[in-house]
C-alpha atoms as a PDB file:
ATOM      1  CA  MET A   1      86.911  55.591 119.129  1.00  0.00           C
ATOM      2  CA  ALA A   2      85.686  55.176 122.672  1.00  0.00           C
ATOM      3  CA  GLY A   3      87.670  57.286 125.072  1.00  0.00           C
ATOM      4  CA  LEU A   4      89.039  59.656 122.432  1.00  0.00           C
ATOM      5  CA  PRO A   5      88.360  63.374 122.828  1.00  0.00           C
ATOM      6  CA  PRO A   6      85.895  64.826 120.308  1.00  0.00           C
ATOM      7  CA  PHE A   7      86.923  66.499 117.040  1.00  0.00           C
ATOM      8  CA  GLU A   8      84.128  68.938 116.324  1.00  0.00           C
ATOM      9  CA  LEU A   9      83.901  70.897 113.086  1.00  0.00           C
ATOM     10  CA  GLY A  10      81.353  73.705 113.123  1.00  0.00           C
ATOM     11  CA  TYR A  11      78.341  73.276 115.368  1.00  0.00           C
ATOM     12  CA  PRO A  12      76.254  70.100 115.820  1.00  0.00           C
ATOM     13  CA  ARG A  13      73.125  69.659 113.717  1.00  0.00           C
ATOM     14  CA  THR A  14      74.123  72.298 111.168  1.00  0.00           C
ATOM     15  CA  GLU A  15      74.633  71.936 107.451  1.00  0.00           C
ATOM     16  CA  LEU A  16      78.140  73.304 107.935  1.00  0.00           C
ATOM     17  CA  ARG A  17      78.983  70.366 110.239  1.00  0.00           C
ATOM     18  CA  ARG A  18      77.543  67.917 107.694  1.00  0.00           C
ATOM     19  CA  LYS A  19      79.562  69.496 104.862  1.00  0.00           C
ATOM     20  CA  LEU A  20      82.833  69.586 106.831  1.00  0.00           C
ATOM     21  CA  VAL A  21      82.610  66.006 108.094  1.00  0.00           C
ATOM     22  CA  ASP A  22      81.816  64.810 104.563  1.00  0.00           C
ATOM     23  CA  ALA A  23      84.888  66.682 103.282  1.00  0.00           C
ATOM     24  CA  VAL A  24      87.088  64.952 105.886  1.00  0.00           C
ATOM     25  CA  LEU A  25      85.672  61.509 105.092  1.00  0.00           C
ATOM     26  CA  HIS A  26      86.296  62.048 101.359  1.00  0.00           C
ATOM     27  CA  GLY A  27      89.845  63.348 101.875  1.00  0.00           C
ATOM     28  CA  HIS A  28      89.133  66.932 100.785  1.00  0.00           C
ATOM     29  CA  LYS A  29      89.562  68.505 104.226  1.00  0.00           C
ATOM     30  CA  THR A  30      92.938  68.008 105.900  1.00  0.00           C
ATOM     31  CA  ALA A  31      93.170  71.235 107.904  1.00  0.00           C
ATOM     32  CA  THR A  32      91.111  73.291 110.296  1.00  0.00           C
ATOM     33  CA  ALA A  33      91.456  76.603 112.066  1.00  0.00           C
ATOM     34  CA  GLY A  34      90.521  77.766 115.530  1.00  0.00           C
ATOM     35  CA  LEU A  35      90.982  80.871 117.588  1.00  0.00           C
ATOM     36  CA  ARG A  36      93.897  80.711 120.013  1.00  0.00           C
ATOM     37  CA  THR A  37      91.604  82.175 122.686  1.00  0.00           C
ATOM     38  CA  ASP A  38      89.400  79.052 122.469  1.00  0.00           C
ATOM     39  CA  PHE A  39      92.208  76.983 124.042  1.00  0.00           C
ATOM     40  CA  ALA A  40      94.120  76.877 127.347  1.00  0.00           C
ATOM     41  CA  PRO A  41      95.011  78.968 129.201  1.00  0.00           C
ATOM     42  CA  HIS A  42      91.975  80.981 128.065  1.00  0.00           C
ATOM     43  CA  THR A  43      89.658  77.949 128.416  1.00  0.00           C
ATOM     44  CA  ASP A  44      89.863  74.391 129.744  1.00  0.00           C
ATOM     45  CA  GLU A  45      90.397  73.047 126.199  1.00  0.00           C
ATOM     46  CA  PRO A  46      94.033  71.934 125.745  1.00  0.00           C
ATOM     47  CA  LEU A  47      95.866  72.715 122.522  1.00  0.00           C
ATOM     48  CA  PRO A  48      96.168  69.621 120.347  1.00  0.00           C
ATOM     49  CA  GLU A  49      99.636  68.179 119.856  1.00  0.00           C
ATOM     50  CA  VAL A  50     101.102  66.332 116.898  1.00  0.00           C
ATOM     51  CA  GLY A  51     100.129  62.677 117.242  1.00  0.00           C
ATOM     52  CA  ASP A  52      96.961  63.348 119.247  1.00  0.00           C
ATOM     53  CA  ARG A  53      93.970  61.352 118.048  1.00  0.00           C
ATOM     54  CA  PHE A  54      90.343  62.421 118.175  1.00  0.00           C
ATOM     55  CA  ALA A  55      86.896  61.012 117.414  1.00  0.00           C
ATOM     56  CA  LEU A  56      85.399  62.958 114.494  1.00  0.00           C
ATOM     57  CA  LEU A  57      81.791  63.810 115.388  1.00  0.00           C
ATOM     58  CA  ASP A  58      79.083  63.906 112.732  1.00  0.00           C
ATOM     59  CA  TYR A  59      75.940  66.003 112.318  1.00  0.00           C
ATOM     60  CA  ASP A  60      74.323  64.300 115.352  1.00  0.00           C
ATOM     61  CA  ASP A  61      77.500  64.300 117.511  1.00  0.00           C
ATOM     62  CA  ARG A  62      78.173  60.612 116.847  1.00  0.00           C
ATOM     63  CA  ALA A  63      81.772  59.442 116.394  1.00  0.00           C
ATOM     64  CA  VAL A  64      82.260  58.399 112.760  1.00  0.00           C
ATOM     65  CA  ALA A  65      86.039  58.305 112.315  1.00  0.00           C
ATOM     66  CA  VAL A  66      89.379  58.886 113.980  1.00  0.00           C
ATOM     67  CA  VAL A  67      91.629  61.773 112.992  1.00  0.00           C
ATOM     68  CA  GLU A  68      95.199  62.440 114.044  1.00  0.00           C
ATOM     69  CA  THR A  69      96.898  65.831 114.335  1.00  0.00           C
ATOM     70  CA  THR A  70      99.902  65.972 111.999  1.00  0.00           C
ATOM     71  CA  GLU A  71     100.872  69.636 112.370  1.00  0.00           C
ATOM     72  CA  LEU A  72      99.945  72.511 114.637  1.00  0.00           C
ATOM     73  CA  ARG A  73     100.995  76.114 114.177  1.00  0.00           C
ATOM     74  CA  ILE A  74      99.876  79.262 115.921  1.00  0.00           C
ATOM     75  CA  VAL A  75      99.971  82.083 113.406  1.00  0.00           C
ATOM     76  CA  PRO A  76      98.475  85.537 113.042  1.00  0.00           C
ATOM     77  CA  ALA A  77      95.394  85.546 110.786  1.00  0.00           C
ATOM     78  CA  GLY A  78      97.303  87.758 108.358  1.00  0.00           C
ATOM     79  CA  GLU A  79      99.794  84.917 107.774  1.00  0.00           C
ATOM     80  CA  ILE A  80      97.320  82.216 106.707  1.00  0.00           C
ATOM     81  CA  ASP A  81      98.415  81.156 103.239  1.00  0.00           C
ATOM     82  CA  LEU A  82      96.504  79.880 100.219  1.00  0.00           C
ATOM     83  CA  ARG A  83      97.663  76.280 100.682  1.00  0.00           C
ATOM     84  CA  PHE A  84      96.214  76.180 104.195  1.00  0.00           C
ATOM     85  CA  ALA A  85      93.002  77.885 103.057  1.00  0.00           C
ATOM     86  CA  ARG A  86      92.564  75.294 100.310  1.00  0.00           C
ATOM     87  CA  ASP A  87      93.409  72.385 102.630  1.00  0.00           C
ATOM     88  CA  GLU A  88      90.439  73.369 104.773  1.00  0.00           C
ATOM     89  CA  GLY A  89      88.392  71.673 102.048  1.00  0.00           C
ATOM     90  CA  GLU A  90      85.662  74.285 101.818  1.00  0.00           C
ATOM     91  CA  GLY A  91      86.384  75.421  98.281  1.00  0.00           C
ATOM     92  CA  PHE A  92      88.317  78.572  99.121  1.00  0.00           C
ATOM     93  CA  GLU A  93      90.151  79.913  96.081  1.00  0.00           C
ATOM     94  CA  THR A  94      91.719  82.884  97.861  1.00  0.00           C
ATOM     95  CA  VAL A  95      92.911  83.710 101.351  1.00  0.00           C
ATOM     96  CA  GLY A  96      90.343  86.527 101.286  1.00  0.00           C
ATOM     97  CA  GLU A  97      87.527  83.979 100.889  1.00  0.00           C
ATOM     98  CA  TRP A  98      88.968  81.979 103.801  1.00  0.00           C
ATOM     99  CA  ARG A  99      89.123  85.133 105.922  1.00  0.00           C
ATOM    100  CA  GLU A 100      85.557  86.227 105.098  1.00  0.00           C
ATOM    101  CA  ALA A 101      84.120  82.793 105.927  1.00  0.00           C
ATOM    102  CA  HIS A 102      85.986  82.611 109.216  1.00  0.00           C
ATOM    103  CA  GLU A 103      85.053  86.154 110.212  1.00  0.00           C
ATOM    104  CA  ARG A 104      81.395  85.164 109.703  1.00  0.00           C
ATOM    105  CA  PHE A 105      81.853  81.961 111.728  1.00  0.00           C
ATOM    106  CA  TRP A 106      83.665  83.810 114.527  1.00  0.00           C
ATOM    107  CA  SER A 107      81.295  86.784 114.306  1.00  0.00           C
ATOM    108  CA  GLU A 108      81.290  87.324 118.075  1.00  0.00           C
ATOM    109  CA  HIS A 109      85.008  88.228 117.809  1.00  0.00           C
ATOM    110  CA  THR A 110      86.833  90.986 115.994  1.00  0.00           C
ATOM    111  CA  ILE A 111      89.371  89.339 113.690  1.00  0.00           C
ATOM    112  CA  THR A 112      92.416  91.371 112.737  1.00  0.00           C
ATOM    113  CA  ASP A 113      95.625  90.437 110.938  1.00  0.00           C
ATOM    114  CA  ASP A 114      97.164  89.949 114.409  1.00  0.00           C
ATOM    115  CA  THR A 115      94.462  87.611 115.771  1.00  0.00           C
ATOM    116  CA  LEU A 116      96.174  84.342 116.659  1.00  0.00           C
ATOM    117  CA  ILE A 117      94.888  81.319 114.764  1.00  0.00           C
ATOM    118  CA  VAL A 118      95.473  77.668 115.667  1.00  0.00           C
ATOM    119  CA  ALA A 119      96.228  76.217 112.232  1.00  0.00           C
ATOM    120  CA  GLU A 120      95.902  72.447 112.521  1.00  0.00           C
ATOM    121  CA  ARG A 121      96.544  69.788 109.919  1.00  0.00           C
ATOM    122  CA  PHE A 122      95.250  66.281 110.434  1.00  0.00           C
ATOM    123  CA  ARG A 123      94.827  62.959 108.719  1.00  0.00           C
ATOM    124  CA  LEU A 124      92.046  60.431 108.673  1.00  0.00           C
ATOM    125  CA  VAL A 125      93.239  57.309 110.486  1.00  0.00           C
END
């Protein structure tokens, strides 16, 4: 895992991070979403590519596993489907639940149907 870029879910030392990492390690979480504006060229963070590997960071920012990107799509928030919402492993039963949770998480942004989302699928290596 040394030398791999970090794969961070939620924020360090939060119960959300603990829950999300646990879901990955148990095979329940195989997808994650980010805002397109959180990646290059808007920031220094490059977009992941299929085949990229990352060190999954736990509650305390320690590497606990390796994950590999298997799919990456940039889609408007209004096009997130139920399969993707469920694959996020957080218990979403509707796209509306997915949207509400992500609007809370990204509360410093206004999320519309046109907001571009980085919809990433990954696997535990």
